[in-house]
Every structure is written in structure tokens, then in C-alpha cells.
N, C-alpha and C. Protein backbone atom coordinates (compact mmCIF):
# COMPACT_ATOMS: atom_id res chain seq x y z
N MET A 1 -73.36 -116.00 43.15
CA MET A 1 -74.09 -114.74 42.82
C MET A 1 -75.48 -114.70 43.18
N SER A 2 -75.84 -114.06 44.61
CA SER A 2 -76.80 -114.99 45.10
C SER A 2 -77.96 -113.91 43.88
N ASP A 3 -79.29 -114.47 43.99
CA ASP A 3 -80.14 -113.85 43.15
C ASP A 3 -81.57 -113.01 44.09
N GLN A 4 -80.76 -112.86 45.28
CA GLN A 4 -82.10 -112.18 46.24
C GLN A 4 -81.92 -110.62 46.27
N ARG A 5 -82.61 -110.24 45.76
CA ARG A 5 -83.44 -108.59 45.46
C ARG A 5 -83.76 -107.52 46.79
N LYS A 6 -83.32 -106.83 46.49
CA LYS A 6 -83.46 -105.70 48.19
C LYS A 6 -84.69 -104.99 47.90
N PHE A 7 -85.66 -104.90 48.47
CA PHE A 7 -86.47 -103.68 48.85
C PHE A 7 -85.64 -102.54 48.25
N ILE A 8 -86.63 -101.91 47.85
CA ILE A 8 -86.50 -100.36 46.82
C ILE A 8 -87.51 -99.67 47.56
N PRO A 9 -87.73 -99.21 48.04
CA PRO A 9 -88.72 -98.22 49.19
C PRO A 9 -89.57 -96.43 47.75
N LEU A 10 -90.36 -97.02 47.47
CA LEU A 10 -91.08 -96.06 46.53
C LEU A 10 -91.14 -94.97 47.27
N ASN A 11 -91.49 -93.81 46.25
CA ASN A 11 -92.56 -92.52 46.95
C ASN A 11 -93.76 -92.75 47.19
N ILE A 12 -95.12 -92.48 48.15
CA ILE A 12 -96.66 -92.96 47.45
C ILE A 12 -97.14 -92.05 47.89
N ALA A 13 -98.04 -91.00 47.01
CA ALA A 13 -99.18 -89.81 47.60
C ALA A 13 -100.42 -90.90 47.43
N ILE A 14 -101.31 -90.45 48.79
CA ILE A 14 -102.58 -90.83 48.34
C ILE A 14 -103.53 -89.64 48.67
N LEU A 15 -104.45 -90.25 47.81
CA LEU A 15 -105.68 -89.38 47.60
C LEU A 15 -106.56 -89.49 48.27
N THR A 16 -107.04 -89.30 48.81
CA THR A 16 -108.68 -89.24 49.52
C THR A 16 -109.80 -88.61 48.67
N VAL A 17 -110.84 -89.33 48.27
CA VAL A 17 -112.08 -88.32 47.52
C VAL A 17 -112.92 -88.59 48.46
N SER A 18 -113.41 -87.63 49.29
CA SER A 18 -114.97 -87.08 49.72
C SER A 18 -114.99 -86.16 49.60
N ASP A 19 -116.82 -85.79 50.08
CA ASP A 19 -117.28 -85.03 50.44
C ASP A 19 -117.06 -84.55 52.21
N SER A 20 -117.58 -85.69 52.58
CA SER A 20 -117.66 -85.68 53.87
C SER A 20 -116.37 -86.48 54.98
N ARG A 21 -115.79 -86.36 54.51
CA ARG A 21 -114.16 -87.61 55.29
C ARG A 21 -112.85 -85.84 55.36
N THR A 22 -112.81 -85.84 56.98
CA THR A 22 -111.51 -85.07 57.37
C THR A 22 -110.42 -86.14 58.03
N GLU A 23 -109.32 -85.45 58.26
CA GLU A 23 -108.05 -87.00 58.95
C GLU A 23 -109.10 -87.10 59.69
N GLU A 24 -109.54 -86.69 60.73
CA GLU A 24 -110.04 -87.68 61.76
C GLU A 24 -110.59 -89.01 61.45
N ASN A 25 -111.32 -88.40 60.40
CA ASN A 25 -112.67 -90.31 60.22
C ASN A 25 -112.55 -90.40 59.09
N ASP A 26 -110.93 -90.63 58.11
CA ASP A 26 -110.40 -90.96 57.16
C ASP A 26 -110.18 -92.19 57.26
N THR A 27 -110.55 -93.14 57.46
CA THR A 27 -109.98 -94.92 57.84
C THR A 27 -109.14 -95.83 56.43
N SER A 28 -109.97 -94.91 55.14
CA SER A 28 -109.80 -95.49 54.36
C SER A 28 -107.58 -95.11 54.65
N GLY A 29 -107.98 -93.76 54.26
CA GLY A 29 -106.69 -93.16 53.61
C GLY A 29 -105.75 -93.91 54.53
N LYS A 30 -106.01 -93.29 55.86
CA LYS A 30 -105.23 -94.09 56.97
C LYS A 30 -104.21 -95.55 56.18
N THR A 31 -105.97 -96.30 55.75
CA THR A 31 -105.29 -97.98 56.10
C THR A 31 -104.26 -97.95 55.20
N LEU A 32 -104.29 -97.24 53.99
CA LEU A 32 -103.39 -96.71 52.85
C LEU A 32 -101.66 -96.65 53.10
N VAL A 33 -102.07 -95.37 53.97
CA VAL A 33 -100.52 -95.07 54.52
C VAL A 33 -100.10 -95.91 55.54
N ASP A 34 -101.08 -97.54 56.57
CA ASP A 34 -100.64 -97.62 57.70
C ASP A 34 -99.66 -98.71 56.84
N ARG A 35 -100.24 -98.97 56.01
CA ARG A 35 -99.90 -100.13 54.43
C ARG A 35 -98.69 -100.02 54.33
N LEU A 36 -98.49 -98.88 53.52
CA LEU A 36 -97.45 -98.65 52.60
C LEU A 36 -95.95 -98.40 53.81
N LEU A 37 -96.52 -97.90 55.19
CA LEU A 37 -95.19 -97.68 55.37
C LEU A 37 -94.99 -98.52 56.41
N GLY A 38 -96.04 -99.42 56.68
CA GLY A 38 -95.33 -100.57 57.28
C GLY A 38 -94.78 -102.56 56.39
N VAL A 39 -94.92 -101.16 55.31
CA VAL A 39 -94.07 -102.55 54.18
C VAL A 39 -92.41 -101.65 53.96
N GLY A 40 -92.68 -100.15 54.29
CA GLY A 40 -90.54 -99.34 53.97
C GLY A 40 -91.00 -98.45 52.98
N HIS A 41 -92.35 -98.53 52.02
CA HIS A 41 -92.11 -97.20 51.89
C HIS A 41 -92.47 -96.48 52.04
N ASN A 42 -92.93 -94.98 51.38
CA ASN A 42 -92.62 -93.71 51.76
C ASN A 42 -93.75 -92.85 51.58
N LEU A 43 -94.03 -92.01 52.90
CA LEU A 43 -95.01 -91.04 52.48
C LEU A 43 -94.66 -89.61 51.74
N ALA A 44 -94.88 -90.06 50.03
CA ALA A 44 -94.89 -88.82 49.59
C ALA A 44 -95.59 -86.93 50.26
N GLU A 45 -96.73 -87.67 49.66
CA GLU A 45 -98.31 -86.92 50.56
C GLU A 45 -99.00 -87.38 50.71
N LYS A 46 -99.96 -86.83 51.70
CA LYS A 46 -101.56 -87.20 51.64
C LYS A 46 -102.81 -86.15 51.39
N VAL A 47 -103.33 -86.56 50.51
CA VAL A 47 -104.18 -84.71 50.01
C VAL A 47 -105.94 -85.83 50.47
N ILE A 48 -106.73 -85.18 50.97
CA ILE A 48 -108.65 -85.33 50.92
C ILE A 48 -109.27 -84.28 49.90
N VAL A 49 -109.66 -84.71 49.15
CA VAL A 49 -110.12 -83.69 47.81
C VAL A 49 -111.56 -84.01 48.02
N PRO A 50 -112.98 -82.71 47.52
CA PRO A 50 -114.29 -83.56 47.60
C PRO A 50 -114.53 -84.48 46.49
N ASP A 51 -115.45 -84.71 45.98
CA ASP A 51 -115.61 -85.64 44.77
C ASP A 51 -116.12 -84.57 43.68
N ASP A 52 -114.16 -83.87 43.33
CA ASP A 52 -114.76 -83.05 42.29
C ASP A 52 -113.58 -82.92 41.15
N ILE A 53 -114.26 -83.74 40.04
CA ILE A 53 -112.86 -84.03 38.80
C ILE A 53 -112.26 -83.00 38.66
N TYR A 54 -111.94 -81.61 38.54
CA TYR A 54 -110.91 -80.83 38.42
C TYR A 54 -110.09 -80.67 39.17
N GLN A 55 -110.55 -80.64 40.80
CA GLN A 55 -109.33 -80.37 42.17
C GLN A 55 -108.29 -81.95 42.19
N MET A 56 -109.48 -82.64 41.96
CA MET A 56 -108.45 -84.35 42.22
C MET A 56 -107.41 -84.13 40.34
N ARG A 57 -107.61 -83.84 39.00
CA ARG A 57 -106.94 -84.10 38.11
C ARG A 57 -105.41 -82.68 38.43
N ALA A 58 -106.39 -81.96 39.04
CA ALA A 58 -104.68 -80.97 39.58
C ALA A 58 -103.93 -81.51 40.55
N ILE A 59 -104.35 -81.89 41.87
CA ILE A 59 -103.56 -82.61 42.56
C ILE A 59 -102.87 -84.12 42.41
N VAL A 60 -103.47 -84.88 41.28
CA VAL A 60 -102.85 -85.88 40.59
C VAL A 60 -101.82 -85.20 39.61
N SER A 61 -102.05 -84.03 38.39
CA SER A 61 -101.14 -83.41 37.96
C SER A 61 -99.86 -83.14 38.25
N LYS A 62 -100.07 -82.35 39.37
CA LYS A 62 -99.16 -81.78 39.87
C LYS A 62 -98.47 -83.01 40.87
N TRP A 63 -98.48 -84.03 41.11
CA TRP A 63 -98.06 -85.31 41.37
C TRP A 63 -97.79 -86.16 40.54
N ILE A 64 -97.83 -86.26 39.14
CA ILE A 64 -97.14 -87.02 38.08
C ILE A 64 -95.86 -86.36 37.66
N ALA A 65 -96.47 -84.59 37.66
CA ALA A 65 -95.03 -84.02 37.19
C ALA A 65 -94.03 -84.05 38.41
N THR A 66 -93.88 -84.18 39.07
CA THR A 66 -92.82 -84.34 40.30
C THR A 66 -91.96 -85.74 40.54
N LEU A 67 -90.72 -85.32 39.82
CA LEU A 67 -90.30 -87.12 39.67
C LEU A 67 -89.78 -87.92 41.20
N ASP A 68 -90.69 -86.86 41.90
CA ASP A 68 -89.83 -87.76 42.89
C ASP A 68 -91.17 -88.51 43.99
N ILE A 69 -92.14 -88.72 43.18
CA ILE A 69 -93.56 -89.51 43.71
C ILE A 69 -93.19 -90.45 42.09
N GLN A 70 -93.49 -92.26 42.45
CA GLN A 70 -93.11 -92.62 41.95
C GLN A 70 -94.72 -93.66 41.52
N VAL A 71 -95.64 -93.38 42.65
CA VAL A 71 -97.23 -94.48 42.92
C VAL A 71 -98.08 -92.90 42.90
N VAL A 72 -99.28 -93.45 42.88
CA VAL A 72 -100.49 -92.46 43.39
C VAL A 72 -101.47 -93.87 43.91
N ILE A 73 -102.37 -93.18 45.07
CA ILE A 73 -103.40 -94.21 45.25
C ILE A 73 -104.07 -93.49 45.49
N ILE A 74 -105.76 -93.78 44.95
CA ILE A 74 -106.61 -92.96 44.99
C ILE A 74 -107.73 -94.10 45.82
N THR A 75 -108.26 -93.51 46.98
CA THR A 75 -109.07 -93.97 47.20
C THR A 75 -110.60 -93.04 47.40
N GLY A 76 -111.68 -94.26 47.37
CA GLY A 76 -112.92 -93.30 47.06
C GLY A 76 -113.22 -92.74 45.72
N GLY A 77 -114.74 -92.71 45.32
CA GLY A 77 -115.39 -91.68 44.03
C GLY A 77 -115.14 -92.84 42.78
N THR A 78 -115.21 -93.68 42.73
CA THR A 78 -115.45 -94.87 42.04
C THR A 78 -116.70 -95.78 41.85
N GLY A 79 -117.12 -95.86 42.64
CA GLY A 79 -118.44 -96.01 42.18
C GLY A 79 -119.51 -95.35 41.47
N VAL A 80 -120.78 -95.40 41.13
CA VAL A 80 -121.81 -95.64 40.20
C VAL A 80 -122.74 -94.12 40.59
N THR A 81 -122.81 -93.73 42.21
CA THR A 81 -123.68 -91.92 41.99
C THR A 81 -123.41 -91.17 41.16
N GLY A 82 -123.80 -90.27 41.39
CA GLY A 82 -123.89 -89.09 40.71
C GLY A 82 -122.33 -88.22 40.94
N ARG A 83 -122.04 -87.95 42.39
CA ARG A 83 -120.71 -87.00 42.44
C ARG A 83 -119.32 -88.67 42.39
N ASP A 84 -119.81 -89.59 41.93
CA ASP A 84 -118.91 -90.39 41.92
C ASP A 84 -118.13 -90.49 40.66
N CYS A 85 -116.57 -89.89 40.22
CA CYS A 85 -115.82 -89.17 38.81
C CYS A 85 -114.71 -89.51 39.03
N THR A 86 -113.94 -90.40 40.54
CA THR A 86 -112.27 -90.51 39.88
C THR A 86 -112.58 -91.19 38.75
N PRO A 87 -113.12 -92.44 38.44
CA PRO A 87 -112.46 -92.60 36.86
C PRO A 87 -112.49 -91.61 35.48
N GLU A 88 -113.38 -90.69 35.80
CA GLU A 88 -113.95 -89.01 35.33
C GLU A 88 -112.70 -88.70 35.32
N ALA A 89 -112.31 -88.15 36.67
CA ALA A 89 -111.00 -87.31 36.19
C ALA A 89 -109.54 -88.05 36.27
N ILE A 90 -109.25 -89.15 36.13
CA ILE A 90 -108.05 -88.89 36.58
C ILE A 90 -107.74 -90.20 34.89
N GLN A 91 -108.58 -91.10 34.54
CA GLN A 91 -108.27 -91.30 33.47
C GLN A 91 -107.48 -90.62 31.82
N PRO A 92 -108.38 -89.53 31.79
CA PRO A 92 -107.74 -88.59 30.91
C PRO A 92 -106.61 -88.80 30.87
N LEU A 93 -105.35 -88.55 31.82
CA LEU A 93 -104.44 -88.64 32.22
C LEU A 93 -103.28 -89.40 32.34
N PHE A 94 -104.14 -91.04 31.88
CA PHE A 94 -103.58 -92.04 31.68
C PHE A 94 -102.40 -92.13 30.46
N ASP A 95 -101.11 -92.82 30.56
CA ASP A 95 -100.50 -92.93 29.00
C ASP A 95 -100.85 -93.90 28.50
N LYS A 96 -100.77 -94.84 29.50
CA LYS A 96 -101.66 -97.08 29.88
C LYS A 96 -102.77 -96.93 30.31
N PHE A 97 -102.96 -97.45 30.51
CA PHE A 97 -104.05 -98.76 30.68
C PHE A 97 -103.92 -99.55 31.45
N LEU A 98 -104.06 -100.33 32.89
CA LEU A 98 -103.74 -101.39 33.16
C LEU A 98 -104.54 -101.89 33.65
N ASP A 99 -105.47 -102.29 32.62
CA ASP A 99 -106.87 -102.82 32.26
C ASP A 99 -106.81 -104.15 33.35
N GLY A 100 -105.76 -104.49 33.40
CA GLY A 100 -106.02 -106.38 34.55
C GLY A 100 -106.27 -106.18 35.71
N PHE A 101 -106.27 -104.93 36.68
CA PHE A 101 -106.15 -104.16 37.80
C PHE A 101 -107.13 -104.44 38.34
N GLY A 102 -108.29 -103.21 37.05
CA GLY A 102 -109.69 -103.21 37.71
C GLY A 102 -110.40 -104.68 37.63
N GLU A 103 -109.56 -105.92 36.45
CA GLU A 103 -110.55 -106.87 36.46
C GLU A 103 -110.15 -107.97 37.57
N LEU A 104 -108.91 -107.73 38.19
CA LEU A 104 -108.26 -108.54 39.14
C LEU A 104 -108.77 -108.19 40.67
N PHE A 105 -109.52 -107.13 40.73
CA PHE A 105 -109.72 -105.85 42.07
C PHE A 105 -111.03 -106.79 42.05
N ARG A 106 -112.05 -106.55 40.82
CA ARG A 106 -113.18 -107.03 41.16
C ARG A 106 -113.34 -109.03 41.50
N THR A 107 -112.38 -109.26 40.64
CA THR A 107 -112.02 -111.18 41.21
C THR A 107 -112.00 -111.19 42.33
N ILE A 108 -111.19 -110.06 42.64
CA ILE A 108 -111.00 -111.30 44.29
C ILE A 108 -112.33 -110.38 45.26
N SER A 109 -112.50 -109.29 44.78
CA SER A 109 -113.44 -108.58 45.55
C SER A 109 -115.12 -109.34 45.54
N TYR A 110 -114.93 -110.08 44.59
CA TYR A 110 -116.05 -111.08 44.36
C TYR A 110 -116.54 -112.02 45.90
N ASP A 111 -115.20 -112.32 46.16
CA ASP A 111 -114.87 -113.52 46.94
C ASP A 111 -115.28 -112.91 48.56
N GLU A 112 -115.01 -111.41 48.88
CA GLU A 112 -115.28 -110.57 49.62
C GLU A 112 -116.69 -110.37 50.13
N ILE A 113 -117.58 -109.63 48.70
CA ILE A 113 -118.64 -108.84 49.05
C ILE A 113 -119.69 -109.82 47.86
N GLY A 114 -119.27 -110.45 46.99
CA GLY A 114 -120.39 -110.82 46.31
C GLY A 114 -120.81 -110.11 45.07
N THR A 115 -121.36 -110.05 44.30
CA THR A 115 -121.88 -109.17 42.69
C THR A 115 -122.16 -107.96 43.51
N SER A 116 -122.00 -106.84 44.05
CA SER A 116 -121.28 -105.65 44.35
C SER A 116 -120.31 -105.51 44.45
N THR A 117 -119.80 -106.55 44.01
CA THR A 117 -117.94 -106.16 43.82
C THR A 117 -118.43 -104.91 41.72
N LEU A 118 -119.40 -105.06 41.93
CA LEU A 118 -120.11 -104.95 40.09
C LEU A 118 -120.08 -103.21 40.05
N GLN A 119 -120.19 -102.83 41.73
CA GLN A 119 -120.47 -101.21 41.32
C GLN A 119 -119.20 -100.71 41.15
N SER A 120 -117.91 -101.10 41.59
CA SER A 120 -117.09 -100.90 42.07
C SER A 120 -116.17 -100.60 40.69
N ARG A 121 -115.82 -98.96 40.60
CA ARG A 121 -115.08 -99.26 38.82
C ARG A 121 -113.57 -98.62 39.02
N ALA A 122 -112.98 -99.80 40.11
CA ALA A 122 -110.95 -99.31 39.95
C ALA A 122 -111.09 -99.50 38.94
N VAL A 123 -109.42 -98.42 38.59
CA VAL A 123 -108.72 -98.65 37.77
C VAL A 123 -107.74 -98.34 37.99
N ALA A 124 -106.72 -98.49 36.94
CA ALA A 124 -104.97 -98.18 37.19
C ALA A 124 -104.05 -98.11 35.83
N GLY A 125 -103.44 -97.12 36.07
CA GLY A 125 -102.61 -96.84 34.83
C GLY A 125 -101.64 -96.06 35.39
N VAL A 126 -100.84 -95.29 33.68
CA VAL A 126 -99.23 -95.01 33.83
C VAL A 126 -99.77 -93.60 33.50
N ALA A 127 -99.28 -92.53 34.12
CA ALA A 127 -99.02 -91.56 33.49
C ALA A 127 -97.64 -91.05 34.14
N ASN A 128 -96.80 -90.57 32.82
CA ASN A 128 -95.91 -90.01 32.95
C ASN A 128 -94.58 -90.54 34.08
N GLY A 129 -94.79 -91.70 33.70
CA GLY A 129 -93.96 -92.86 34.45
C GLY A 129 -93.98 -92.91 35.84
N THR A 130 -95.87 -92.60 36.64
CA THR A 130 -95.99 -92.19 37.02
C THR A 130 -96.52 -93.86 37.53
N TYR A 131 -96.99 -94.59 38.12
CA TYR A 131 -98.22 -95.40 38.74
C TYR A 131 -99.25 -95.33 39.50
N ILE A 132 -100.88 -95.33 39.28
CA ILE A 132 -101.70 -94.35 39.39
C ILE A 132 -102.62 -95.60 39.64
N PHE A 133 -103.51 -96.01 41.14
CA PHE A 133 -104.07 -96.94 40.81
C PHE A 133 -105.38 -96.42 41.92
N CYS A 134 -106.60 -96.14 41.56
CA CYS A 134 -108.20 -96.29 42.11
C CYS A 134 -108.64 -96.76 42.72
N LEU A 135 -108.59 -96.83 43.57
CA LEU A 135 -109.89 -98.08 45.29
C LEU A 135 -110.85 -97.39 44.96
N PRO A 136 -112.22 -98.02 45.72
CA PRO A 136 -113.28 -98.17 46.49
C PRO A 136 -112.79 -96.77 47.54
N GLY A 137 -114.02 -96.73 47.85
CA GLY A 137 -113.41 -95.34 49.54
C GLY A 137 -113.76 -96.72 50.34
N SER A 138 -114.04 -97.62 50.98
CA SER A 138 -114.17 -98.33 51.74
C SER A 138 -112.85 -98.88 51.87
N SER A 139 -112.49 -99.12 53.84
CA SER A 139 -110.97 -99.06 54.10
C SER A 139 -110.82 -100.80 54.10
N GLY A 140 -111.91 -101.45 53.57
CA GLY A 140 -111.82 -102.74 53.38
C GLY A 140 -111.31 -102.86 51.90
N ALA A 141 -112.02 -101.97 51.14
CA ALA A 141 -111.43 -102.39 49.02
C ALA A 141 -110.50 -101.73 50.00
N CYS A 142 -109.67 -100.86 50.39
CA CYS A 142 -108.39 -100.12 50.04
C CYS A 142 -107.42 -101.95 51.13
N ARG A 143 -107.85 -102.08 52.15
CA ARG A 143 -107.38 -103.29 52.45
C ARG A 143 -107.00 -104.83 50.68
N THR A 144 -108.17 -104.65 50.53
CA THR A 144 -108.37 -105.85 49.29
C THR A 144 -107.17 -105.35 48.31
N GLY A 145 -107.29 -103.92 47.80
CA GLY A 145 -106.61 -103.46 46.95
C GLY A 145 -104.92 -103.07 46.93
N TRP A 146 -104.51 -102.77 48.66
CA TRP A 146 -103.19 -103.25 48.51
C TRP A 146 -102.44 -104.51 49.30
N ASP A 147 -103.65 -105.20 49.85
CA ASP A 147 -103.02 -107.08 50.13
C ASP A 147 -103.10 -107.78 48.74
N LYS A 148 -103.38 -107.76 48.63
CA LYS A 148 -103.71 -108.84 47.40
C LYS A 148 -103.38 -108.82 45.96
N ILE A 149 -103.32 -107.60 45.84
CA ILE A 149 -102.52 -106.81 44.37
C ILE A 149 -101.59 -106.05 44.32
N ILE A 150 -101.56 -104.23 44.54
CA ILE A 150 -100.94 -103.57 44.92
C ILE A 150 -99.22 -103.74 46.11
N GLN A 151 -99.88 -104.37 46.57
CA GLN A 151 -98.62 -104.42 47.43
C GLN A 151 -97.54 -104.98 46.48
N ALA A 152 -98.12 -106.30 46.21
CA ALA A 152 -97.04 -107.21 45.93
C ALA A 152 -95.89 -106.72 44.53
N GLN A 153 -97.04 -105.77 43.78
CA GLN A 153 -96.08 -105.39 42.97
C GLN A 153 -95.45 -104.43 42.59
N LEU A 154 -95.41 -103.47 43.81
CA LEU A 154 -94.16 -102.22 44.67
C LEU A 154 -93.37 -102.78 45.41
N ASP A 155 -92.58 -103.97 44.70
CA ASP A 155 -92.48 -104.65 45.87
C ASP A 155 -91.48 -105.62 45.29
N TYR A 156 -90.38 -105.18 44.62
CA TYR A 156 -89.09 -105.66 43.76
C TYR A 156 -88.51 -106.84 43.84
N ARG A 157 -88.38 -107.47 44.76
CA ARG A 157 -88.96 -108.68 44.96
C ARG A 157 -89.45 -109.53 44.40
N THR A 158 -90.64 -109.28 44.11
CA THR A 158 -91.95 -110.04 43.54
C THR A 158 -91.32 -110.44 41.91
N ARG A 159 -91.64 -111.98 42.36
CA ARG A 159 -90.99 -112.96 41.14
C ARG A 159 -92.69 -113.30 40.09
N PRO A 160 -92.70 -113.69 38.98
CA PRO A 160 -91.35 -112.88 37.92
C PRO A 160 -91.28 -111.95 37.36
N CYS A 161 -92.12 -110.89 37.82
CA CYS A 161 -92.20 -109.90 37.67
C CYS A 161 -92.67 -108.92 38.51
N ASN A 162 -92.48 -107.50 38.81
CA ASN A 162 -93.33 -106.45 39.29
C ASN A 162 -92.86 -105.31 38.53
N PHE A 163 -93.96 -103.80 39.02
CA PHE A 163 -94.10 -102.84 38.58
C PHE A 163 -93.22 -102.00 39.02
N VAL A 164 -92.25 -102.40 39.90
CA VAL A 164 -90.98 -101.66 40.05
C VAL A 164 -89.69 -101.80 38.95
N GLU A 165 -90.02 -102.85 38.38
CA GLU A 165 -88.30 -103.51 37.93
C GLU A 165 -88.83 -102.52 36.30
N MET A 166 -89.90 -102.04 36.13
CA MET A 166 -90.15 -101.34 34.98
C MET A 166 -90.17 -100.27 34.58
N MET A 167 -89.86 -99.76 36.21
CA MET A 167 -89.77 -98.08 36.18
C MET A 167 -89.36 -97.51 35.16
N PRO A 168 -87.72 -97.77 34.86
CA PRO A 168 -86.59 -96.88 34.70
C PRO A 168 -87.07 -97.29 33.22
N ARG A 169 -88.09 -97.91 32.90
CA ARG A 169 -88.43 -97.77 30.94
C ARG A 169 -90.02 -97.53 31.16
N LEU A 170 -90.53 -96.59 31.85
CA LEU A 170 -91.96 -96.53 31.35
C LEU A 170 -91.73 -95.23 31.03
N LEU A 171 -90.78 -93.98 30.76
CA LEU A 171 -91.07 -93.14 29.34
C LEU A 171 -89.95 -93.29 28.78
N GLU A 172 -90.05 -94.66 28.39
CA GLU A 172 -89.43 -94.74 26.84
C GLU A 172 -89.64 -94.32 26.01
N LYS A 173 -89.71 -93.54 24.26
CA LYS A 173 -90.48 -93.66 23.50
C LYS A 173 -90.14 -94.34 22.43
């Protein structure tokens, strides 16, 4: 019997948080869409929303209530300015926090941008059986987050373990 695992495509929604981006200039959202489609996942939906806690929560709440969406990736709003509110908007939705995601993201980012990584409040968690990743708004941060962390964890073939194999058990009580 072969120990080869087959790739399992997931339905992933992308949310760009920005007061100024449009579909024409949303390079970060496009980076994520290109990467997820490039490895064989499905784009469930892509939305751009202003830096507004309640608009973000409304969209993400709709997505996590949809059984057909397994992953949400948010880009933008994780900095420290007055308008940056993605962690505040999304963390109340988490059933479980994935603290290691932000820690690992900042560790990897340090090699790329030095101490500026302190300005990133990248977070991740699970809400109603849906994985949610919140990345900074730059396309470089999206490449780092996807290429060096998220892609492998959303690939069932990744050993010794990955987020995909945990999905059937996320809603256990």
C-alpha cells in the first residue's frame, strides 16, 4: 500500500482590508489569489472592504457560516495606525487561536525586513471550523505568509501534519 497522499483542493475566500485599494490596484489580494489558484485550491470569493471593524466582521461571519468555505485569508489592517483594526475585528470570532502563526510570521519576516516586523500584528485562528489568517497588507507580506507558512499547512501532503487533516475534527465538542 502506498503512503502517497493526494492533494485536496480547498475553497478559500480572500478579504483585502483597505480604504484605498480597488480591484485594479489590489496587488496583495491578487498575489494571494494567484498563489492559491496556482497550487490547485479554489477561490470561493474575493472582497475588498474598508478598515471598518463591523464591515469586516459581517463578511467574515458570513464566510465562516458557509460550510463550503474552509479558509479565509485577510490582507491588510494588521499594523499599528489608528485605522488598522483587523485583529480587533476578527479575533472575537475565533474559537481557537493559532498563536504560533503570528510568532512564526514575524520570525520569518525578520530575515526579510528586520525589526520592522514588530509592526505586524499578523494573527490566525479557527472559527466555526474555518481557518482564518490575517496578514499585513503588502504583497511582500502576502508572499511570505503564503509561500513560507500557509501553503504547506493547507496541503494534505505536508508531513508530519497539516491543517487539512485536522478539518474533520475542528467542530468536535
